[in-house]
């Protein structure tokens, strides 16, 4: 399992294949009445758009940190494992990555309540529509899915912030020890 996770972290082809399979399944689920060739075309388009956006974002972040995309995935893995690099250049790159990531989280923090409120309104709207139509099953499932998704977003955000803050403090301690 660890080999698969590492392969998915580093290989754009593996990420693209996984995105294509997921997009194909979702497209087939929502467009059952269309020909399977249309599913493949739509899935290829969605995959190309998402992989293109992810590649652009990853390259931009790698340039700002001062490493390549493979180095960026290694630094991210080390942050998740709370492993402080011994090499001063790697520590400097990790320091920039942590500062960039924490800054991005801080900037996104002010918009998070609005996004969650919008998701809540959509879930509540689905419940109201279900009450009007007399069908409660799918609106309740959708509302629970929205609530679970929102809780997952908050949990992952808190977990990432804790890891980044830990690494920022560990890098400061390591730099103070070395100096």
Protein backbone atom coordinates (compact mmCIF):
# COMPACT_ATOMS: atom_id res chain seq x y z
CA UNK A 1 0.00 0.00 0.00
CA UNK A 2 2.86 2.35 0.81
CA UNK A 3 4.35 1.74 -2.64
CA UNK A 4 1.04 2.63 -4.27
CA UNK A 5 0.70 5.81 -2.21
CA UNK A 6 4.23 6.86 -3.06
CA UNK A 7 3.65 6.12 -6.75
CA UNK A 8 0.51 8.25 -6.71
CA UNK A 9 2.38 11.08 -4.95
CA UNK A 10 5.20 11.24 -7.47
CA UNK A 11 3.79 10.05 -10.78
CA UNK A 12 1.62 12.38 -12.81
CA UNK A 13 0.68 9.48 -15.09
CA UNK A 14 -0.63 7.45 -12.14
CA UNK A 15 -2.61 10.45 -10.89
CA UNK A 16 -4.00 11.02 -14.38
CA UNK A 17 -5.05 7.39 -14.71
CA UNK A 18 -6.79 7.46 -11.32
CA UNK A 19 -8.52 10.76 -12.21
CA UNK A 20 -9.66 9.30 -15.55
CA UNK A 21 -11.11 6.17 -13.95
CA UNK A 22 -12.95 8.25 -11.34
CA UNK A 23 -14.23 10.71 -13.94
CA UNK A 24 -15.36 7.84 -16.16
CA UNK A 25 -17.28 6.24 -13.30
CA UNK A 26 -18.93 9.50 -12.28
CA UNK A 27 -19.77 10.38 -15.88
CA UNK A 28 -21.28 6.94 -16.45
CA UNK A 29 -23.29 7.30 -13.26
CA UNK A 30 -24.81 10.65 -14.21
CA UNK A 31 -25.13 10.09 -17.97
CA UNK A 32 -26.50 6.56 -18.16
CA UNK A 33 -28.58 7.22 -21.26
CA UNK A 34 -25.63 8.28 -23.43
CA UNK A 35 -23.27 6.10 -25.42
CA UNK A 36 -20.15 4.85 -23.58
CA UNK A 37 -17.94 6.65 -26.10
CA UNK A 38 -19.41 9.92 -24.84
CA UNK A 39 -18.50 8.87 -21.31
CA UNK A 40 -14.89 8.36 -22.37
CA UNK A 41 -14.74 11.72 -24.14
CA UNK A 42 -16.20 13.55 -21.15
CA UNK A 43 -13.92 11.72 -18.72
CA UNK A 44 -10.88 12.56 -20.87
CA UNK A 45 -11.88 16.23 -20.93
CA UNK A 46 -12.45 16.37 -17.16
CA UNK A 47 -9.16 14.56 -16.56
CA UNK A 48 -7.22 16.89 -18.84
CA UNK A 49 -8.69 19.95 -17.17
CA UNK A 50 -8.07 18.74 -13.61
CA UNK A 51 -4.58 17.40 -14.29
CA UNK A 52 -3.66 20.60 -16.15
CA UNK A 53 -4.81 22.75 -13.23
CA UNK A 54 -3.02 20.54 -10.69
CA UNK A 55 0.20 20.56 -12.75
CA UNK A 56 0.14 24.32 -13.13
CA UNK A 57 -0.45 24.79 -9.39
CA UNK A 58 2.25 22.27 -8.45
CA UNK A 59 4.85 23.86 -10.76
CA UNK A 60 4.05 27.33 -9.45
CA UNK A 61 4.46 26.13 -5.85
CA UNK A 62 7.68 24.26 -6.69
CA UNK A 63 9.15 27.44 -8.25
CA UNK A 64 8.22 29.54 -5.23
CA UNK A 65 9.74 26.98 -2.87
CA UNK A 66 12.88 26.55 -4.95
CA UNK A 67 12.69 22.86 -5.84
CA UNK A 68 11.25 20.62 -8.54
CA UNK A 69 7.90 18.84 -8.39
CA UNK A 70 9.45 15.56 -7.19
CA UNK A 71 11.25 17.44 -4.43
CA UNK A 72 7.98 19.10 -3.53
CA UNK A 73 6.24 15.76 -3.05
CA UNK A 74 9.18 14.54 -0.93
CA UNK A 75 8.98 17.65 1.24
CA UNK A 76 5.23 17.22 1.63
CA UNK A 77 5.69 13.59 2.63
CA UNK A 78 8.32 14.60 5.19
CA UNK A 79 5.94 17.19 6.62
CA UNK A 80 3.23 14.55 6.98
CA UNK A 81 5.69 12.24 8.74
CA UNK A 82 7.08 15.11 10.86
CA UNK A 83 10.60 14.42 9.61
CA UNK A 84 12.94 17.43 9.83
CA UNK A 85 15.62 17.35 7.11
CA UNK A 86 19.26 17.47 8.14
CA UNK A 87 20.43 19.25 4.98
CA UNK A 88 20.34 23.07 5.36
CA UNK A 89 19.13 23.56 1.77
CA UNK A 90 16.27 21.13 2.27
CA UNK A 91 15.40 22.85 5.55
CA UNK A 92 15.31 26.21 3.75
CA UNK A 93 13.05 24.80 1.02
CA UNK A 94 10.82 23.18 3.63
CA UNK A 95 10.67 26.46 5.57
CA UNK A 96 9.48 28.23 2.41
CA UNK A 97 6.94 25.48 1.70
CA UNK A 98 5.58 25.64 5.25
CA UNK A 99 5.36 29.43 5.14
CA UNK A 100 3.63 29.33 1.75
CA UNK A 101 1.17 26.67 2.87
CA UNK A 102 0.34 28.38 6.16
CA UNK A 103 -0.10 31.69 4.34
CA UNK A 104 -2.46 30.08 1.84
CA UNK A 105 -4.47 28.52 4.66
CA UNK A 106 -4.63 31.86 6.46
CA UNK A 107 -5.86 33.64 3.33
CA UNK A 108 -8.48 30.96 2.70
CA UNK A 109 -9.64 31.07 6.31
CA UNK A 110 -11.76 34.17 5.80
CA UNK A 111 -13.72 32.55 2.95
CA UNK A 112 -14.24 29.17 4.57
CA UNK A 113 -17.37 30.15 6.56
CA UNK A 114 -19.00 31.42 3.38
CA UNK A 115 -18.26 28.20 1.50
CA UNK A 116 -19.57 26.11 4.37
CA UNK A 117 -22.67 28.31 4.67
CA UNK A 118 -23.31 27.91 0.94
CA UNK A 119 -23.03 24.14 1.28
CA UNK A 120 -25.43 24.29 4.23
CA UNK A 121 -27.92 26.34 2.23
CA UNK A 122 -27.76 23.85 -0.63
CA UNK A 123 -28.34 20.96 1.80
CA UNK A 124 -31.22 22.80 3.48
CA UNK A 125 -32.68 23.67 0.08
CA UNK A 126 -32.60 20.02 -0.92
CA UNK A 127 -34.44 19.15 2.32
CA UNK A 128 -37.08 21.77 1.60
CA UNK A 129 -37.52 20.50 -1.95
CA UNK A 130 -37.82 16.98 -0.59
CA UNK A 131 -40.49 18.09 1.88
CA UNK A 132 -42.42 19.81 -0.90
CA UNK A 133 -42.27 16.76 -3.15
CA UNK A 134 -42.91 14.30 -0.35
CA UNK A 135 -39.70 12.36 -0.93
CA UNK A 136 -37.32 12.46 2.02
CA UNK A 137 -34.80 9.72 1.28
CA UNK A 138 -32.49 11.36 -1.28
CA UNK A 139 -32.63 14.87 0.25
CA UNK A 140 -31.69 13.47 3.66
CA UNK A 141 -28.88 11.41 2.13
CA UNK A 142 -27.66 14.50 0.26
CA UNK A 143 -27.85 16.68 3.39
CA UNK A 144 -25.93 14.09 5.40
CA UNK A 145 -23.36 13.88 2.60
CA UNK A 146 -22.96 17.66 2.64
CA UNK A 147 -22.58 17.64 6.43
CA UNK A 148 -20.02 14.83 6.25
CA UNK A 149 -18.10 16.60 3.49
CA UNK A 150 -18.03 19.85 5.49
CA UNK A 151 -16.86 18.03 8.61
CA UNK A 152 -14.15 16.30 6.55
CA UNK A 153 -12.96 19.62 5.15
CA UNK A 154 -12.72 21.12 8.63
CA UNK A 155 -10.95 18.04 10.02
CA UNK A 156 -8.39 17.88 7.17
CA UNK A 157 -7.76 21.61 7.44
CA UNK A 158 -7.15 21.38 11.20
CA UNK A 159 -4.88 18.36 10.75
CA UNK A 160 -2.84 20.06 8.02
CA UNK A 161 -2.51 23.23 10.05
CA UNK A 162 -1.27 21.25 13.07
CA UNK A 163 1.33 19.44 10.95
CA UNK A 164 2.53 22.66 9.34
CA UNK A 165 2.78 24.47 12.66
CA UNK A 166 4.66 21.54 14.16
CA UNK A 167 7.12 21.58 11.25
CA UNK A 168 7.54 25.36 11.45
CA UNK A 169 8.39 25.08 15.16
CA UNK A 170 10.67 22.06 14.58
CA UNK A 171 12.55 23.94 11.86
CA UNK A 172 12.99 26.93 14.18
CA UNK A 173 14.32 24.66 16.94
CA UNK A 174 16.68 22.94 14.51
CA UNK A 175 17.97 26.26 13.19
CA UNK A 176 18.49 27.55 16.73
CA UNK A 177 20.35 24.35 17.64
CA UNK A 178 22.59 24.54 14.56
CA UNK A 179 23.36 28.26 14.94
